Amino acid sequence: MAANITSRPAPMGAITVFRLVQSVSQVANVFQTWNSGRITRKALGSLSDSELDDIGLCRGDIEMIGR
């Protein structure tokens, strides 16, 4: 019984395309994280001081929470 082991190298440029797609995906993830923080900071910034106090925050905490 003979074992056939077939290993072919990746087609020309496949690794480069993979790395490009991976980089674009990373950039998209960084943008989504930044945008989520921006939306959170904007929503918290629109609250009054008494509303922020109700949830246990002050204006100075908003920047740290969004990060």
C-alpha atoms as a PDB file:
ATOM      1  CA  MET A   1       0.000   0.000   0.000  1.00  0.00           C
ATOM      2  CA  ALA A   2       1.570   3.247  -1.098  1.00  0.00           C
ATOM      3  CA  ALA A   3       0.963   6.551   0.582  1.00  0.00           C
ATOM      4  CA  ASN A   4       0.564   9.521  -1.665  1.00  0.00           C
ATOM      5  CA  ILE A   5       1.676  12.699  -0.003  1.00  0.00           C
ATOM      6  CA  THR A   6       0.900  15.716  -2.067  1.00  0.00           C
ATOM      7  CA  SER A   7       2.214  19.037  -0.957  1.00  0.00           C
ATOM      8  CA  ARG A   8       2.022  21.910  -3.315  1.00  0.00           C
ATOM      9  CA  PRO A   9       3.404  25.344  -2.657  1.00  0.00           C
ATOM     10  CA  ALA A  10       0.973  28.224  -2.475  1.00  0.00           C
ATOM     11  CA  PRO A  11       0.278  29.886  -5.807  1.00  0.00           C
ATOM     12  CA  MET A  12       2.387  32.901  -6.677  1.00  0.00           C
ATOM     13  CA  GLY A  13       1.259  35.907  -4.640  1.00  0.00           C
ATOM     14  CA  ALA A  14      -1.200  34.016  -2.417  1.00  0.00           C
ATOM     15  CA  ILE A  15       0.697  34.802   0.763  1.00  0.00           C
ATOM     16  CA  THR A  16       0.959  38.460  -0.182  1.00  0.00           C
ATOM     17  CA  VAL A  17      -2.782  38.647  -0.831  1.00  0.00           C
ATOM     18  CA  PHE A  18      -3.466  36.878   2.477  1.00  0.00           C
ATOM     19  CA  ARG A  19      -1.294  39.373   4.378  1.00  0.00           C
ATOM     20  CA  LEU A  20      -2.973  42.289   2.609  1.00  0.00           C
ATOM     21  CA  VAL A  21      -6.444  41.030   3.532  1.00  0.00           C
ATOM     22  CA  GLN A  22      -5.268  40.424   7.097  1.00  0.00           C
ATOM     23  CA  SER A  23      -3.908  43.985   7.338  1.00  0.00           C
ATOM     24  CA  VAL A  24      -7.125  45.490   5.999  1.00  0.00           C
ATOM     25  CA  SER A  25      -9.069  43.417   8.518  1.00  0.00           C
ATOM     26  CA  GLN A  26      -6.865  44.703  11.358  1.00  0.00           C
ATOM     27  CA  VAL A  27      -7.381  48.298  10.257  1.00  0.00           C
ATOM     28  CA  ALA A  28     -11.149  47.728  10.155  1.00  0.00           C
ATOM     29  CA  ASN A  29     -11.077  46.290  13.692  1.00  0.00           C
ATOM     30  CA  VAL A  30      -9.076  49.255  14.999  1.00  0.00           C
ATOM     31  CA  PHE A  31     -11.544  51.654  13.368  1.00  0.00           C
ATOM     32  CA  GLN A  32     -14.540  49.824  14.861  1.00  0.00           C
ATOM     33  CA  THR A  33     -12.982  49.962  18.332  1.00  0.00           C
ATOM     34  CA  TRP A  34     -12.221  53.668  17.982  1.00  0.00           C
ATOM     35  CA  ASN A  35     -15.719  54.422  16.695  1.00  0.00           C
ATOM     36  CA  SER A  36     -17.354  52.501  19.530  1.00  0.00           C
ATOM     37  CA  GLY A  37     -15.373  54.545  22.058  1.00  0.00           C
ATOM     38  CA  ARG A  38     -16.289  57.753  20.259  1.00  0.00           C
ATOM     39  CA  ILE A  39     -19.995  56.917  20.400  1.00  0.00           C
ATOM     40  CA  THR A  40     -19.733  56.064  24.100  1.00  0.00           C
ATOM     41  CA  ARG A  41     -17.915  59.307  24.903  1.00  0.00           C
ATOM     42  CA  LYS A  42     -20.476  61.301  22.918  1.00  0.00           C
ATOM     43  CA  ALA A  43     -23.418  59.652  24.707  1.00  0.00           C
ATOM     44  CA  LEU A  44     -21.875  60.156  28.145  1.00  0.00           C
ATOM     45  CA  GLY A  45     -20.922  63.733  27.287  1.00  0.00           C
ATOM     46  CA  SER A  46     -24.525  64.572  26.520  1.00  0.00           C
ATOM     47  CA  LEU A  47     -25.659  63.577  30.029  1.00  0.00           C
ATOM     48  CA  SER A  48     -26.076  66.190  32.737  1.00  0.00           C
ATOM     49  CA  ASP A  49     -23.875  66.234  35.833  1.00  0.00           C
ATOM     50  CA  SER A  50     -26.692  64.848  37.983  1.00  0.00           C
ATOM     51  CA  GLU A  51     -27.294  61.994  35.504  1.00  0.00           C
ATOM     52  CA  LEU A  52     -23.598  61.168  35.521  1.00  0.00           C
ATOM     53  CA  ASP A  53     -23.636  61.257  39.323  1.00  0.00           C
ATOM     54  CA  ASP A  54     -26.561  58.796  39.294  1.00  0.00           C
ATOM     55  CA  ILE A  55     -24.424  56.238  37.465  1.00  0.00           C
ATOM     56  CA  GLY A  56     -21.374  56.977  39.613  1.00  0.00           C
ATOM     57  CA  LEU A  57     -19.320  58.987  37.126  1.00  0.00           C
ATOM     58  CA  CYS A  58     -17.985  62.501  36.794  1.00  0.00           C
ATOM     59  CA  ARG A  59     -16.989  64.450  33.693  1.00  0.00           C
ATOM     60  CA  GLY A  60     -13.344  63.505  34.152  1.00  0.00           C
ATOM     61  CA  ASP A  61     -14.171  59.788  33.931  1.00  0.00           C
ATOM     62  CA  ILE A  62     -15.700  60.017  30.451  1.00  0.00           C
ATOM     63  CA  GLU A  63     -12.389  60.109  28.592  1.00  0.00           C
ATOM     64  CA  MET A  64     -11.048  57.027  30.402  1.00  0.00           C
ATOM     65  CA  ILE A  65     -14.228  55.008  29.851  1.00  0.00           C
ATOM     66  CA  GLY A  66     -14.203  55.602  26.111  1.00  0.00           C
ATOM     67  CA  ARG A  67     -10.691  54.193  25.731  1.00  0.00           C
END
